[in-house]
Amino acid sequence: MEVEIICKESIKPSSPTPPHLKIFNLCILDQLIITPYAPIILYYPNHNHDNIYQALQRSLVLKKSLSETLTQFYPLAGTIKNHLTIHCNDVGANYVLALVRGRLDGFLRNPDYRMINKFLPFEPSYDESSAGGRVTHVQVNIFKCGGIAIGLCVSHKILDGTAAYTFLKAWANMACGTKEVIYPNLSAPSIFPAKSMWLRDKINVLSQSVVKEGKCSTKRFVFGSNAIAMLKTEASRNGVKRPTRVEVVTSLIWKCAIVASKKAFGFQKTSQLTHMVNLRKKLAINMSRDLICNMIWISNAVCKASDEPTLHGLVNKLHDSIARIDDEFVKKAQGEEGYVALQKSLQELGETGSIRPLDNYNFTSWCNMGFYDIDFGWGKPSWVSGYIGDGVPVFMNLVTLMDTKCGGGIEAWVSLDEEEMKILQCNPELLAYATQDPSPLANDS
């Protein structure tokens, strides 16, 4: 299977951005993210039995509707000026059209993970300088069977997972010509203003214990709905009240990662788990879901070197850490004096980060965001995937949780050091609940 780039062009907004909107200020929460881009790929089989030429016509619809959507989402048509601002200069989205010499249904039956990154307009890296770069990059991949995979890389300086969904949904609605036009809420800088670089400076210091050098390995573990129900039952049996599916899956992976680290190094280290928390539901404003920014904060749970890592114990630690990011915290974090609450929250993270030796595990959840509902006019995606970090020399221990197509299960995209991954993927407790790399076309049970 080969991917051939046919053309590259700039898709500019259908209407120019007014002069008074040429500079878009980022909010303070946008300084929290150190990863430059948030890649996502949506795979659409050819349900209409169109030939490849008809599929290529769809690219014209995608380009026109993208241009119209960028008029509303005008910061996404600009370039990154610095950590505080985006230059809304209408340079447009980088749009790549590619032909894939293979069938999408064959790929989905047995995914070749070496191919996944080729469906993206480029491969993001931690050492990439983003100043002056475009905010939005798209690659539309046309398979010889007429199937389509859309790869999106939008700057993580302005979009988190929920905001990425809002943009994709708005673009899809525009492509379909539906009456519902989604308008972005660009008010985040007034809610969480950024007057300086203090948070970015703090995060850069903290990231020194998170980002590491080595050889990354990314694996995909799928937890079906039945397995998740059993995990919930096990956690509840030991005193955990109403654990969520994200909590039990996160905690099991954390437990198995602790075991893998202990086997690799010969002793148990203190382990810190951070989990991104979506703040939108904690805001007392309308249209909070449509906020275009990184409306997230970090929860922090710790398993000491002397602690026994049990499932229910880790679930409780995780649950308590997320519970601290509550409505009251979000209220205090707003406005000109919000930095006081944010600094206090980061203090604990910094104190744990100074412990040596220390393992850091970073989790983010894209569950319940609706990516499987994104329909550009030819049906909903059969699979939604992330980015494969295999072989990357600079990385972090990162786990991205995503829905399975049927919605009841979870796909965990786990990136670890190669040697620790070899141990993790053979863990019998993990494999009792999860299947490694099943076909995305398999059921969700």
Protein backbone atom coordinates (compact mmCIF):
# COMPACT_ATOMS: atom_id res chain seq x y z
CA MET A 1 0.00 0.00 0.00
CA GLU A 2 1.48 3.32 -1.10
CA VAL A 3 0.39 6.90 -0.47
CA GLU A 4 1.05 9.28 -3.36
CA ILE A 5 0.72 13.04 -2.83
CA ILE A 6 -1.25 14.47 -5.76
CA CYS A 7 -1.29 18.14 -4.83
CA LYS A 8 -0.83 20.64 -2.05
CA GLU A 9 -2.64 23.95 -1.83
CA SER A 10 -3.82 26.61 0.57
CA ILE A 11 -7.53 26.76 1.38
CA LYS A 12 -8.27 30.32 2.43
CA PRO A 13 -11.44 31.61 4.12
CA SER A 14 -14.26 32.37 1.69
CA SER A 15 -14.43 35.89 3.13
CA PRO A 16 -11.46 37.91 4.44
CA THR A 17 -11.04 38.37 8.18
CA PRO A 18 -11.84 41.99 9.22
CA PRO A 19 -8.81 44.12 10.16
CA HIS A 20 -9.85 44.44 13.82
CA LEU A 21 -9.73 40.64 14.18
CA LYS A 22 -6.26 40.11 12.72
CA ILE A 23 -4.70 39.30 16.10
CA PHE A 24 -6.29 36.58 18.20
CA ASN A 25 -5.16 36.37 21.81
CA LEU A 26 -4.82 32.90 23.26
CA CYS A 27 -6.13 32.21 26.76
CA ILE A 28 -3.94 31.28 29.71
CA LEU A 29 -5.02 27.62 29.50
CA ASP A 30 -3.58 27.39 25.99
CA GLN A 31 -0.11 27.67 27.54
CA LEU A 32 -0.66 24.35 29.32
CA ILE A 33 -0.04 22.11 26.29
CA ILE A 34 3.49 21.18 25.22
CA THR A 35 2.54 18.92 22.30
CA PRO A 36 2.48 21.02 19.11
CA TYR A 37 -0.39 19.34 17.26
CA ALA A 38 -3.32 17.03 18.04
CA PRO A 39 -3.53 14.52 15.13
CA ILE A 40 -6.73 12.64 14.32
CA ILE A 41 -7.77 10.52 11.34
CA LEU A 42 -11.34 9.64 10.33
CA TYR A 43 -11.88 6.68 7.99
CA TYR A 44 -14.92 6.61 5.66
CA PRO A 45 -15.69 3.44 3.65
CA ASN A 46 -17.29 3.75 0.23
CA HIS A 47 -20.85 2.74 1.14
CA ASN A 48 -22.26 4.27 -2.09
CA HIS A 49 -20.01 2.17 -4.37
CA ASP A 50 -18.68 5.30 -6.04
CA ASN A 51 -15.65 4.97 -8.29
CA ILE A 52 -12.38 6.75 -7.55
CA TYR A 53 -13.27 9.67 -9.83
CA GLN A 54 -16.49 10.29 -7.91
CA ALA A 55 -14.48 10.10 -4.70
CA LEU A 56 -12.11 12.74 -6.07
CA GLN A 57 -15.14 14.97 -6.67
CA ARG A 58 -15.81 14.79 -2.96
CA SER A 59 -12.50 16.51 -2.39
CA LEU A 60 -13.89 19.54 -4.22
CA VAL A 61 -16.83 19.61 -1.80
CA LEU A 62 -14.41 19.32 1.13
CA LYS A 63 -12.29 22.22 -0.12
CA LYS A 64 -15.26 24.54 -0.73
CA SER A 65 -16.88 23.76 2.64
CA LEU A 66 -13.51 24.08 4.43
CA SER A 67 -13.10 27.55 2.95
CA GLU A 68 -16.56 28.55 4.16
CA THR A 69 -15.95 27.05 7.61
CA LEU A 70 -12.64 28.90 8.03
CA THR A 71 -14.52 32.18 7.64
CA GLN A 72 -16.26 31.42 10.96
CA PHE A 73 -13.21 29.75 12.55
CA TYR A 74 -10.87 32.49 11.30
CA PRO A 75 -8.00 31.88 13.80
CA LEU A 76 -7.62 28.42 12.27
CA ALA A 77 -6.81 30.04 8.92
CA GLY A 78 -3.88 31.97 10.38
CA THR A 79 -0.33 31.38 11.55
CA ILE A 80 1.13 30.97 15.03
CA LYS A 81 2.77 34.22 16.10
CA ASN A 82 3.95 33.16 19.57
CA HIS A 83 2.66 31.52 22.76
CA LEU A 84 0.26 34.42 23.33
CA THR A 85 -1.24 35.18 19.92
CA ILE A 86 -2.27 33.89 16.52
CA HIS A 87 -1.91 36.07 13.44
CA CYS A 88 -5.24 35.80 11.60
CA ASN A 89 -3.72 36.62 8.22
CA ASP A 90 -5.94 34.32 6.13
CA VAL A 91 -2.97 32.34 4.84
CA GLY A 92 -5.37 29.41 4.98
CA ALA A 93 -5.21 25.73 5.80
CA ASN A 94 -2.53 23.54 4.27
CA TYR A 95 -4.58 21.08 2.20
CA VAL A 96 -2.99 17.90 0.87
CA LEU A 97 -4.68 15.49 -1.54
CA ALA A 98 -3.29 11.96 -1.69
CA LEU A 99 -4.09 8.74 -3.54
CA VAL A 100 -3.72 5.47 -1.64
CA ARG A 101 -2.90 2.41 -3.74
CA GLY A 102 -4.93 -0.01 -1.68
CA ARG A 103 -8.42 -0.69 -0.36
CA LEU A 104 -9.73 0.91 2.81
CA ASP A 105 -11.78 -2.14 3.80
CA GLY A 106 -8.65 -4.29 3.60
CA PHE A 107 -6.73 -1.81 5.73
CA LEU A 108 -9.47 -1.74 8.38
CA ARG A 109 -9.64 -5.54 8.56
CA ASN A 110 -5.95 -5.70 9.42
CA PRO A 111 -4.47 -2.20 10.01
CA ASP A 112 -0.82 -1.71 9.10
CA TYR A 113 0.24 0.73 11.81
CA ARG A 114 3.26 1.77 9.76
CA MET A 115 0.77 3.38 7.35
CA ILE A 116 -1.28 5.44 9.79
CA ASN A 117 1.06 8.42 10.02
CA LYS A 118 1.21 8.58 6.21
CA PHE A 119 -2.46 9.58 6.25
CA LEU A 120 -1.50 12.77 8.10
CA PRO A 121 -0.14 15.92 6.41
CA PHE A 122 3.03 15.54 8.49
CA GLU A 123 4.30 13.77 11.61
CA PRO A 124 4.31 16.09 14.66
CA SER A 125 7.34 16.05 16.96
CA TYR A 126 8.11 17.59 20.35
CA ASP A 127 11.16 19.47 19.13
CA GLU A 128 9.23 21.21 16.37
CA SER A 129 9.27 25.00 16.34
CA SER A 130 5.71 26.17 15.73
CA ALA A 131 6.26 29.97 15.52
CA GLY A 132 5.26 31.13 12.05
CA GLY A 133 3.64 27.82 11.19
CA ARG A 134 0.12 27.40 9.95
CA VAL A 135 -2.55 26.57 12.49
CA THR A 136 -4.40 24.03 10.33
CA HIS A 137 -3.19 21.13 8.19
CA VAL A 138 -5.45 18.63 6.40
CA GLN A 139 -4.75 15.57 4.27
CA VAL A 140 -7.55 13.93 2.30
CA ASN A 141 -6.61 10.37 1.33
CA ILE A 142 -8.55 8.74 -1.53
CA PHE A 143 -8.28 4.93 -1.63
CA LYS A 144 -8.53 3.10 -4.95
CA CYS A 145 -11.83 1.59 -3.74
CA GLY A 146 -13.32 5.08 -3.30
CA GLY A 147 -12.95 5.12 0.48
CA ILE A 148 -11.64 8.27 2.16
CA ALA A 149 -9.49 8.95 5.21
CA ILE A 150 -9.28 12.54 6.47
CA GLY A 151 -6.18 13.34 8.50
CA LEU A 152 -6.26 16.53 10.58
CA CYS A 153 -3.42 18.28 12.41
CA VAL A 154 -4.51 21.51 14.07
CA SER A 155 -2.25 23.41 16.45
CA HIS A 156 -2.70 22.27 20.03
CA LYS A 157 -2.08 25.90 21.03
CA ILE A 158 -5.73 26.64 20.27
CA LEU A 159 -7.65 23.34 20.05
CA ASP A 160 -8.22 20.55 22.53
CA GLY A 161 -10.22 17.41 21.70
CA THR A 162 -13.64 19.00 22.22
CA ALA A 163 -12.72 22.05 20.14
CA ALA A 164 -11.41 19.76 17.38
CA TYR A 165 -14.79 18.03 17.35
CA THR A 166 -16.57 21.40 17.12
CA PHE A 167 -14.47 22.38 14.10
CA LEU A 168 -14.94 19.03 12.36
CA LYS A 169 -18.69 19.07 13.03
CA ALA A 170 -18.98 22.60 11.64
CA TRP A 171 -17.00 21.60 8.54
CA ALA A 172 -19.10 18.45 8.03
CA ASN A 173 -22.35 20.40 8.38
CA MET A 174 -21.13 22.90 5.82
CA ALA A 175 -20.19 20.09 3.43
CA CYS A 176 -23.66 18.57 3.78
CA GLY A 177 -25.38 21.90 3.32
CA THR A 178 -27.39 21.42 6.50
CA LYS A 179 -29.30 24.31 8.01
CA GLU A 180 -27.45 24.01 11.32
CA VAL A 181 -24.40 26.26 11.09
CA ILE A 182 -22.06 25.88 14.04
CA TYR A 183 -20.47 29.10 15.21
CA PRO A 184 -17.39 28.91 17.43
CA ASN A 185 -17.29 30.57 20.83
CA LEU A 186 -14.06 32.59 20.81
CA SER A 187 -14.53 34.21 24.23
CA ALA A 188 -12.04 32.06 26.17
CA PRO A 189 -9.34 34.80 26.29
CA SER A 190 -11.75 37.04 28.19
CA ILE A 191 -12.66 34.27 30.65
CA PHE A 192 -9.10 33.06 31.25
CA PRO A 193 -6.90 36.00 30.15
CA ALA A 194 -3.19 35.56 29.51
CA LYS A 195 -1.18 38.65 30.44
CA SER A 196 2.21 36.96 30.61
CA MET A 197 4.10 33.73 29.96
CA TRP A 198 4.24 32.57 33.59
CA LEU A 199 2.24 29.37 32.98
CA ARG A 200 4.26 28.43 29.91
CA ASP A 201 7.48 28.97 31.83
CA LYS A 202 6.19 26.80 34.68
CA ILE A 203 5.07 24.04 32.31
CA ASN A 204 8.45 24.06 30.54
CA VAL A 205 10.13 23.38 33.89
CA LEU A 206 7.67 20.64 34.83
CA SER A 207 7.97 19.00 31.41
CA GLN A 208 11.65 18.28 32.04
CA SER A 209 10.57 15.30 34.12
CA VAL A 210 7.87 14.27 31.62
CA VAL A 211 9.48 14.39 28.18
CA LYS A 212 12.26 11.86 27.80
CA GLU A 213 14.65 10.41 25.27
CA GLY A 214 14.73 6.79 24.19
CA LYS A 215 12.70 4.79 21.70
CA CYS A 216 8.94 5.12 21.80
CA SER A 217 6.53 2.27 21.14
CA THR A 218 2.81 2.84 20.56
CA LYS A 219 0.27 0.03 20.94
CA ARG A 220 -3.51 -0.02 20.80
CA PHE A 221 -5.50 -1.91 23.44
CA VAL A 222 -9.27 -2.23 23.03
CA PHE A 223 -11.57 -2.73 26.03
CA GLY A 224 -15.02 -3.99 25.08
CA SER A 225 -18.15 -2.97 26.97
CA ASN A 226 -18.37 -6.34 28.76
CA ALA A 227 -14.76 -6.12 29.95
CA ILE A 228 -15.34 -2.58 31.22
CA ALA A 229 -18.43 -3.74 33.10
CA MET A 230 -16.31 -6.41 34.81
CA LEU A 231 -13.66 -3.82 35.73
CA LYS A 232 -16.35 -1.61 37.24
CA THR A 233 -17.69 -4.54 39.24
CA GLU A 234 -14.24 -5.40 40.55
CA ALA A 235 -13.55 -1.81 41.60
CA SER A 236 -17.00 -1.45 43.20
CA ARG A 237 -16.55 -4.70 45.12
CA ASN A 238 -13.62 -3.08 46.90
CA GLY A 239 -15.43 0.09 47.94
CA VAL A 240 -15.27 2.39 44.91
CA LYS A 241 -18.60 4.14 44.35
CA ARG A 242 -19.89 4.33 40.76
CA PRO A 243 -16.53 4.31 38.92
CA THR A 244 -16.65 5.54 35.33
CA ARG A 245 -15.37 3.54 32.39
CA VAL A 246 -12.55 6.06 31.89
CA GLU A 247 -11.53 5.73 35.54
CA VAL A 248 -11.33 1.93 35.56
CA VAL A 249 -9.54 1.66 32.20
CA THR A 250 -7.08 4.39 33.17
CA SER A 251 -6.37 2.75 36.52
CA LEU A 252 -5.82 -0.71 35.05
CA ILE A 253 -3.34 0.64 32.49
CA TRP A 254 -1.62 2.65 35.23
CA LYS A 255 -1.35 -0.46 37.40
CA CYS A 256 0.12 -2.51 34.57
CA ALA A 257 2.55 0.28 33.67
CA ILE A 258 3.78 0.36 37.28
CA VAL A 259 4.34 -3.40 37.12
CA ALA A 260 6.20 -3.07 33.80
CA SER A 261 8.46 -0.35 35.19
CA LYS A 262 9.22 -2.45 38.28
CA LYS A 263 10.20 -5.43 36.14
CA ALA A 264 12.32 -3.26 33.84
CA PHE A 265 14.25 -1.49 36.60
CA GLY A 266 14.13 -4.05 39.41
CA PHE A 267 12.31 -1.81 41.90
CA GLN A 268 9.10 0.19 42.15
CA LYS A 269 9.38 3.94 41.59
CA THR A 270 7.00 6.61 42.78
CA SER A 271 4.46 6.99 39.99
CA GLN A 272 2.62 10.16 39.01
CA LEU A 273 -0.46 10.09 36.80
CA THR A 274 -1.84 13.25 35.21
CA HIS A 275 -5.24 13.26 33.55
CA MET A 276 -6.64 16.13 31.51
CA VAL A 277 -10.00 17.35 32.83
CA ASN A 278 -12.51 19.07 30.53
CA LEU A 279 -13.67 22.28 32.22
CA ARG A 280 -16.54 23.12 29.87
CA LYS A 281 -19.31 21.54 31.93
CA LYS A 282 -18.04 23.41 34.99
CA LEU A 283 -18.48 26.83 33.37
CA ALA A 284 -21.65 28.83 34.00
CA ILE A 285 -21.90 30.15 30.43
CA ASN A 286 -23.91 29.24 27.36
CA MET A 287 -22.23 27.48 24.43
CA SER A 288 -19.39 26.30 26.67
CA ARG A 289 -19.03 23.14 24.54
CA ASP A 290 -18.25 25.30 21.48
CA LEU A 291 -15.39 27.18 23.16
CA ILE A 292 -12.36 27.17 20.87
CA CYS A 293 -9.37 26.77 23.15
CA ASN A 294 -7.74 24.27 25.47
CA MET A 295 -10.49 24.34 28.08
CA ILE A 296 -8.72 21.73 30.20
CA TRP A 297 -6.67 21.43 33.36
CA ILE A 298 -4.40 18.80 34.88
CA SER A 299 -5.45 16.46 37.66
CA ASN A 300 -2.63 14.78 39.54
CA ALA A 301 -2.61 11.40 41.30
CA VAL A 302 0.39 9.75 42.97
CA CYS A 303 1.24 6.15 43.81
CA LYS A 304 4.20 6.14 46.17
CA ALA A 305 7.05 3.67 45.81
CA SER A 306 5.89 2.06 49.05
CA ASP A 307 2.24 1.74 47.96
CA GLU A 308 0.74 -1.49 46.67
CA PRO A 309 -0.83 -0.64 43.29
CA THR A 310 -4.29 -2.25 43.54
CA LEU A 311 -7.00 -1.49 41.00
CA HIS A 312 -9.46 -0.08 43.54
CA GLY A 313 -6.73 1.92 45.27
CA LEU A 314 -5.62 3.53 42.00
CA VAL A 315 -9.23 4.22 40.99
CA ASN A 316 -9.76 6.06 44.28
CA LYS A 317 -6.57 8.09 43.81
CA LEU A 318 -7.60 9.02 40.27
CA HIS A 319 -11.19 9.83 41.25
CA ASP A 320 -10.08 12.09 44.12
CA SER A 321 -7.60 13.95 41.91
CA ILE A 322 -10.23 14.66 39.25
CA ALA A 323 -12.78 15.68 41.92
CA ARG A 324 -10.46 18.48 43.05
CA ILE A 325 -10.91 20.16 39.65
CA ASP A 326 -14.47 21.13 40.54
CA ASP A 327 -16.85 24.03 39.83
CA GLU A 328 -15.35 26.09 42.65
CA PHE A 329 -11.82 25.66 41.28
CA VAL A 330 -12.91 26.74 37.79
CA LYS A 331 -14.69 29.78 39.25
CA LYS A 332 -11.56 30.85 41.14
CA ALA A 333 -9.36 30.29 38.08
CA GLN A 334 -11.24 32.86 35.97
CA GLY A 335 -10.43 36.52 35.50
CA GLU A 336 -7.37 38.62 36.20
CA GLU A 337 -6.70 36.97 39.57
CA GLY A 338 -7.23 33.43 38.32
CA TYR A 339 -3.50 32.77 38.24
CA VAL A 340 -3.55 32.37 42.05
CA ALA A 341 -5.74 29.25 41.86
CA LEU A 342 -3.82 27.90 38.88
CA GLN A 343 -0.45 28.35 40.58
CA LYS A 344 -1.70 26.64 43.73
CA SER A 345 -2.94 23.69 41.67
CA LEU A 346 0.43 23.35 39.94
CA GLN A 347 2.32 23.44 43.22
CA GLU A 348 1.46 19.82 44.07
CA LEU A 349 2.39 18.74 40.56
CA GLY A 350 5.76 20.44 40.94
CA GLU A 351 6.42 18.91 44.35
CA THR A 352 5.84 15.40 43.05
CA GLY A 353 7.80 16.15 39.88
CA SER A 354 10.90 16.85 41.97
CA ILE A 355 10.95 13.28 43.35
CA ARG A 356 13.65 11.03 41.93
CA PRO A 357 13.34 8.39 40.63
CA LEU A 358 9.87 9.08 39.23
CA ASP A 359 7.65 7.63 36.50
CA ASN A 360 5.19 9.97 34.81
CA TYR A 361 2.11 8.70 32.98
CA ASN A 362 -0.02 11.22 31.10
CA PHE A 363 -3.61 10.42 30.16
CA THR A 364 -6.10 12.27 28.03
CA SER A 365 -9.61 11.14 27.14
CA TRP A 366 -11.40 11.85 23.86
CA CYS A 367 -14.33 9.66 24.90
CA ASN A 368 -17.93 10.91 24.58
CA MET A 369 -16.89 13.67 22.17
CA GLY A 370 -18.87 12.43 19.17
CA PHE A 371 -16.16 11.91 16.54
CA TYR A 372 -18.07 8.92 15.18
CA ASP A 373 -20.97 11.26 14.34
CA ILE A 374 -18.93 13.39 11.90
CA ASP A 375 -20.71 12.94 8.54
CA PHE A 376 -19.52 14.92 5.51
CA GLY A 377 -22.38 13.62 3.39
CA TRP A 378 -21.33 10.02 2.69
CA GLY A 379 -21.93 8.40 6.05
CA LYS A 380 -20.25 8.22 9.43
CA PRO A 381 -16.67 7.01 9.93
CA SER A 382 -15.97 3.33 10.52
CA TRP A 383 -12.90 4.15 12.59
CA VAL A 384 -11.22 7.11 14.24
CA SER A 385 -7.53 6.79 15.03
CA GLY A 386 -4.72 8.77 16.53
CA TYR A 387 -1.01 9.12 15.89
CA ILE A 388 1.59 6.32 16.08
CA GLY A 389 4.78 7.28 17.91
CA ASP A 390 6.82 4.16 17.08
CA GLY A 391 10.53 4.89 16.97
CA VAL A 392 10.21 8.54 18.03
CA PRO A 393 13.35 9.42 20.06
CA VAL A 394 11.77 12.23 22.14
CA PHE A 395 8.41 11.43 23.71
CA MET A 396 6.34 11.17 26.88
CA ASN A 397 4.49 8.25 28.42
CA LEU A 398 1.12 9.12 26.93
CA VAL A 399 -2.21 7.29 26.85
CA THR A 400 -5.06 8.60 24.69
CA LEU A 401 -8.48 7.07 25.35
CA MET A 402 -10.99 7.06 22.50
CA ASP A 403 -14.44 5.59 21.96
CA THR A 404 -14.97 2.43 19.98
CA LYS A 405 -17.45 2.78 17.12
CA CYS A 406 -20.35 1.32 19.10
CA GLY A 407 -19.62 3.71 21.96
CA GLY A 408 -19.54 1.30 24.88
CA GLY A 409 -15.88 0.34 24.68
CA ILE A 410 -12.60 2.23 24.83
CA GLU A 411 -9.55 2.18 22.60
CA ALA A 412 -6.39 3.01 24.55
CA TRP A 413 -3.48 4.27 22.44
CA VAL A 414 -0.51 3.70 24.74
CA SER A 415 2.96 5.17 24.11
CA LEU A 416 5.78 3.97 26.35
CA ASP A 417 9.49 3.27 26.21
CA GLU A 418 10.02 0.26 23.96
CA GLU A 419 11.43 -2.02 26.67
CA GLU A 420 8.61 -1.28 29.11
CA MET A 421 6.05 -1.77 26.34
CA LYS A 422 7.39 -5.27 25.68
CA ILE A 423 6.57 -6.12 29.29
CA LEU A 424 3.23 -4.27 29.39
CA GLN A 425 1.78 -5.92 26.31
CA CYS A 426 2.35 -9.38 27.83
CA ASN A 427 0.74 -8.54 31.18
CA PRO A 428 -1.90 -11.26 31.80
CA GLU A 429 -4.13 -8.94 33.86
CA LEU A 430 -4.22 -6.38 31.04
CA LEU A 431 -4.89 -9.06 28.42
CA ALA A 432 -7.72 -10.47 30.56
CA TYR A 433 -9.68 -7.30 29.82
CA ALA A 434 -8.19 -5.87 26.64
CA THR A 435 -7.40 -7.10 23.14
CA GLN A 436 -4.30 -5.78 21.42
CA ASP A 437 -4.80 -4.38 17.92
CA PRO A 438 -8.09 -6.06 16.91
CA SER A 439 -9.72 -5.07 13.64
CA PRO A 440 -11.65 -1.79 13.98
CA LEU A 441 -14.48 -3.60 12.22
CA ALA A 442 -14.87 -6.04 15.15
CA ASN A 443 -17.87 -5.66 17.45
CA ASP A 444 -17.85 -3.72 20.72
CA SER A 445 -18.69 -6.50 23.17
